[in-house]
Amino acid sequence: MKKWILILCVLCVLCGLSYADKAMMYAFNLGELTEKLTARPDVKLYYSGCLKLENFYCQTHGGAAKRPGTYFIAETADSDDAGRVIQFVHSSGTNNVLEFGDKTIRFYK
């Protein structure tokens, strides 16, 4: 039994799987890194990003927060037919949503 543990420890050290080599990453303010940079832990930027950051947004102070979801507003005018939803920005502070259906247009604020 001790022989297998010794062999496993040697394999872990040779493969670079030792616990001491693992670095904790606390900052994601660089966002997603390219695959070429993920193999370079000697570069300082390596510790400020991640390989894939999906459905999150990076905060300026380094953390990552979940992306806010969507919420239900209303049923479509005719749920049997496919409609189209388009964002309409009237001015910098006014955002509206237009729903185009079969012979219908509905406005949402």
C-alpha atoms as a PDB file:
ATOM      1  CA  MET A   1       0.000   0.000   0.000  1.00  0.00           C
ATOM      2  CA  LYS A   2       2.787   2.446   0.890  1.00  0.00           C
ATOM      3  CA  LYS A   3       4.481   1.623  -2.393  1.00  0.00           C
ATOM      4  CA  TRP A   4       1.422   2.809  -4.397  1.00  0.00           C
ATOM      5  CA  ILE A   5       1.184   6.034  -2.408  1.00  0.00           C
ATOM      6  CA  LEU A   6       4.850   6.742  -3.081  1.00  0.00           C
ATOM      7  CA  ILE A   7       4.379   6.061  -6.809  1.00  0.00           C
ATOM      8  CA  LEU A   8       1.299   8.323  -6.886  1.00  0.00           C
ATOM      9  CA  CYS A   9       3.181  11.148  -5.127  1.00  0.00           C
ATOM     10  CA  VAL A  10       6.083  10.869  -7.572  1.00  0.00           C
ATOM     11  CA  LEU A  11       3.677  10.968 -10.538  1.00  0.00           C
ATOM     12  CA  CYS A  12       1.902  14.031  -9.131  1.00  0.00           C
ATOM     13  CA  VAL A  13       5.167  15.898  -8.673  1.00  0.00           C
ATOM     14  CA  LEU A  14       6.385  14.941 -12.139  1.00  0.00           C
ATOM     15  CA  CYS A  15       3.107  16.023 -13.751  1.00  0.00           C
ATOM     16  CA  GLY A  16       3.041  19.315 -11.850  1.00  0.00           C
ATOM     17  CA  LEU A  17       0.011  18.462  -9.753  1.00  0.00           C
ATOM     18  CA  SER A  18       1.447  19.322  -6.374  1.00  0.00           C
ATOM     19  CA  TYR A  19      -0.774  21.420  -4.138  1.00  0.00           C
ATOM     20  CA  ALA A  20       1.958  24.002  -3.460  1.00  0.00           C
ATOM     21  CA  ASP A  21       2.115  24.980  -7.141  1.00  0.00           C
ATOM     22  CA  LYS A  22      -1.551  25.941  -7.337  1.00  0.00           C
ATOM     23  CA  ALA A  23      -2.139  29.695  -7.172  1.00  0.00           C
ATOM     24  CA  MET A  24      -5.447  31.202  -6.121  1.00  0.00           C
ATOM     25  CA  MET A  25      -6.790  33.803  -8.546  1.00  0.00           C
ATOM     26  CA  TYR A  26      -8.783  36.618  -6.991  1.00  0.00           C
ATOM     27  CA  ALA A  27      -8.885  39.195  -9.788  1.00  0.00           C
ATOM     28  CA  PHE A  28     -10.709  38.918 -13.114  1.00  0.00           C
ATOM     29  CA  ASN A  29     -10.464  42.544 -14.210  1.00  0.00           C
ATOM     30  CA  LEU A  30      -8.689  41.590 -17.457  1.00  0.00           C
ATOM     31  CA  GLY A  31     -11.565  39.346 -18.505  1.00  0.00           C
ATOM     32  CA  GLU A  32     -10.879  36.410 -20.792  1.00  0.00           C
ATOM     33  CA  LEU A  33      -7.293  35.636 -21.738  1.00  0.00           C
ATOM     34  CA  THR A  34      -6.132  34.119 -24.991  1.00  0.00           C
ATOM     35  CA  GLU A  35      -5.086  30.499 -24.991  1.00  0.00           C
ATOM     36  CA  LYS A  36      -1.483  31.525 -25.662  1.00  0.00           C
ATOM     37  CA  LEU A  37      -1.337  33.450 -22.381  1.00  0.00           C
ATOM     38  CA  THR A  38      -2.852  30.653 -20.265  1.00  0.00           C
ATOM     39  CA  ALA A  39       0.386  28.682 -20.453  1.00  0.00           C
ATOM     40  CA  ARG A  40       2.456  31.610 -19.132  1.00  0.00           C
ATOM     41  CA  PRO A  41       2.159  31.825 -15.330  1.00  0.00           C
ATOM     42  CA  ASP A  42       5.406  33.820 -15.302  1.00  0.00           C
ATOM     43  CA  VAL A  43       3.596  36.808 -16.868  1.00  0.00           C
ATOM     44  CA  LYS A  44       1.929  39.124 -14.336  1.00  0.00           C
ATOM     45  CA  LEU A  45      -1.254  39.441 -16.454  1.00  0.00           C
ATOM     46  CA  TYR A  46      -1.856  35.692 -16.030  1.00  0.00           C
ATOM     47  CA  TYR A  47      -3.182  36.248 -12.497  1.00  0.00           C
ATOM     48  CA  SER A  48      -5.729  38.931 -13.517  1.00  0.00           C
ATOM     49  CA  GLY A  49      -7.856  36.983 -15.970  1.00  0.00           C
ATOM     50  CA  CYS A  50      -9.355  33.609 -16.763  1.00  0.00           C
ATOM     51  CA  LEU A  51      -9.671  31.260 -19.711  1.00  0.00           C
ATOM     52  CA  LYS A  52     -13.474  31.467 -20.039  1.00  0.00           C
ATOM     53  CA  LEU A  53     -15.824  33.916 -18.333  1.00  0.00           C
ATOM     54  CA  GLU A  54     -19.357  33.127 -19.461  1.00  0.00           C
ATOM     55  CA  ASN A  55     -22.499  34.835 -18.109  1.00  0.00           C
ATOM     56  CA  PHE A  56     -20.396  37.009 -15.797  1.00  0.00           C
ATOM     57  CA  TYR A  57     -19.138  40.550 -16.032  1.00  0.00           C
ATOM     58  CA  CYS A  58     -15.863  41.826 -14.652  1.00  0.00           C
ATOM     59  CA  GLN A  59     -15.950  44.424 -11.938  1.00  0.00           C
ATOM     60  CA  THR A  60     -13.376  47.215 -11.907  1.00  0.00           C
ATOM     61  CA  HIS A  61     -12.040  46.242  -8.471  1.00  0.00           C
ATOM     62  CA  GLY A  62     -11.159  42.743  -9.720  1.00  0.00           C
ATOM     63  CA  GLY A  63     -14.065  40.481  -8.893  1.00  0.00           C
ATOM     64  CA  ALA A  64     -16.604  38.860 -11.187  1.00  0.00           C
ATOM     65  CA  ALA A  65     -20.373  39.023 -10.745  1.00  0.00           C
ATOM     66  CA  LYS A  66     -23.141  36.998 -12.347  1.00  0.00           C
ATOM     67  CA  ARG A  67     -24.861  38.621 -15.300  1.00  0.00           C
ATOM     68  CA  PRO A  68     -28.385  39.760 -14.446  1.00  0.00           C
ATOM     69  CA  GLY A  69     -31.054  37.683 -16.094  1.00  0.00           C
ATOM     70  CA  THR A  70     -34.145  38.581 -18.039  1.00  0.00           C
ATOM     71  CA  TYR A  71     -37.672  38.872 -16.735  1.00  0.00           C
ATOM     72  CA  PHE A  72     -41.101  38.226 -18.192  1.00  0.00           C
ATOM     73  CA  ILE A  73     -42.975  41.335 -19.358  1.00  0.00           C
ATOM     74  CA  ALA A  74     -45.974  40.075 -21.332  1.00  0.00           C
ATOM     75  CA  GLU A  75     -47.263  37.430 -23.721  1.00  0.00           C
ATOM     76  CA  THR A  76     -46.884  38.098 -27.432  1.00  0.00           C
ATOM     77  CA  ALA A  77     -49.882  39.393 -29.309  1.00  0.00           C
ATOM     78  CA  ASP A  78     -50.303  36.086 -31.153  1.00  0.00           C
ATOM     79  CA  SER A  79     -48.333  33.225 -29.642  1.00  0.00           C
ATOM     80  CA  ASP A  80     -49.032  30.987 -32.659  1.00  0.00           C
ATOM     81  CA  ASP A  81     -47.014  33.203 -35.020  1.00  0.00           C
ATOM     82  CA  ALA A  82     -43.363  34.142 -34.616  1.00  0.00           C
ATOM     83  CA  GLY A  83     -42.814  37.763 -33.681  1.00  0.00           C
ATOM     84  CA  ARG A  84     -39.778  39.983 -33.566  1.00  0.00           C
ATOM     85  CA  VAL A  85     -38.558  42.115 -30.661  1.00  0.00           C
ATOM     86  CA  ILE A  86     -36.366  45.160 -31.348  1.00  0.00           C
ATOM     87  CA  GLN A  87     -34.856  47.663 -28.937  1.00  0.00           C
ATOM     88  CA  PHE A  88     -35.648  51.309 -29.707  1.00  0.00           C
ATOM     89  CA  VAL A  89     -33.610  54.080 -28.089  1.00  0.00           C
ATOM     90  CA  HIS A  90     -35.377  57.434 -28.405  1.00  0.00           C
ATOM     91  CA  SER A  91     -32.856  59.432 -26.374  1.00  0.00           C
ATOM     92  CA  SER A  92     -30.008  58.665 -23.996  1.00  0.00           C
ATOM     93  CA  GLY A  93     -32.355  58.062 -21.056  1.00  0.00           C
ATOM     94  CA  THR A  94     -35.307  56.482 -22.847  1.00  0.00           C
ATOM     95  CA  ASN A  95     -35.248  52.834 -23.909  1.00  0.00           C
ATOM     96  CA  ASN A  96     -38.277  51.172 -25.452  1.00  0.00           C
ATOM     97  CA  VAL A  97     -38.949  47.737 -26.866  1.00  0.00           C
ATOM     98  CA  LEU A  98     -41.001  47.197 -30.012  1.00  0.00           C
ATOM     99  CA  GLU A  99     -42.757  43.890 -30.685  1.00  0.00           C
ATOM    100  CA  PHE A 100     -43.598  43.278 -34.331  1.00  0.00           C
ATOM    101  CA  GLY A 101     -46.149  40.587 -35.049  1.00  0.00           C
ATOM    102  CA  ASP A 102     -48.547  39.730 -37.872  1.00  0.00           C
ATOM    103  CA  LYS A 103     -50.176  43.117 -38.624  1.00  0.00           C
ATOM    104  CA  THR A 104     -49.392  44.338 -35.081  1.00  0.00           C
ATOM    105  CA  ILE A 105     -46.839  46.525 -33.369  1.00  0.00           C
ATOM    106  CA  ARG A 106     -46.739  46.749 -29.592  1.00  0.00           C
ATOM    107  CA  PHE A 107     -44.632  49.164 -27.534  1.00  0.00           C
ATOM    108  CA  TYR A 108     -43.105  48.391 -24.127  1.00  0.00           C
ATOM    109  CA  LYS A 109     -41.421  50.873 -21.823  1.00  0.00           C
END
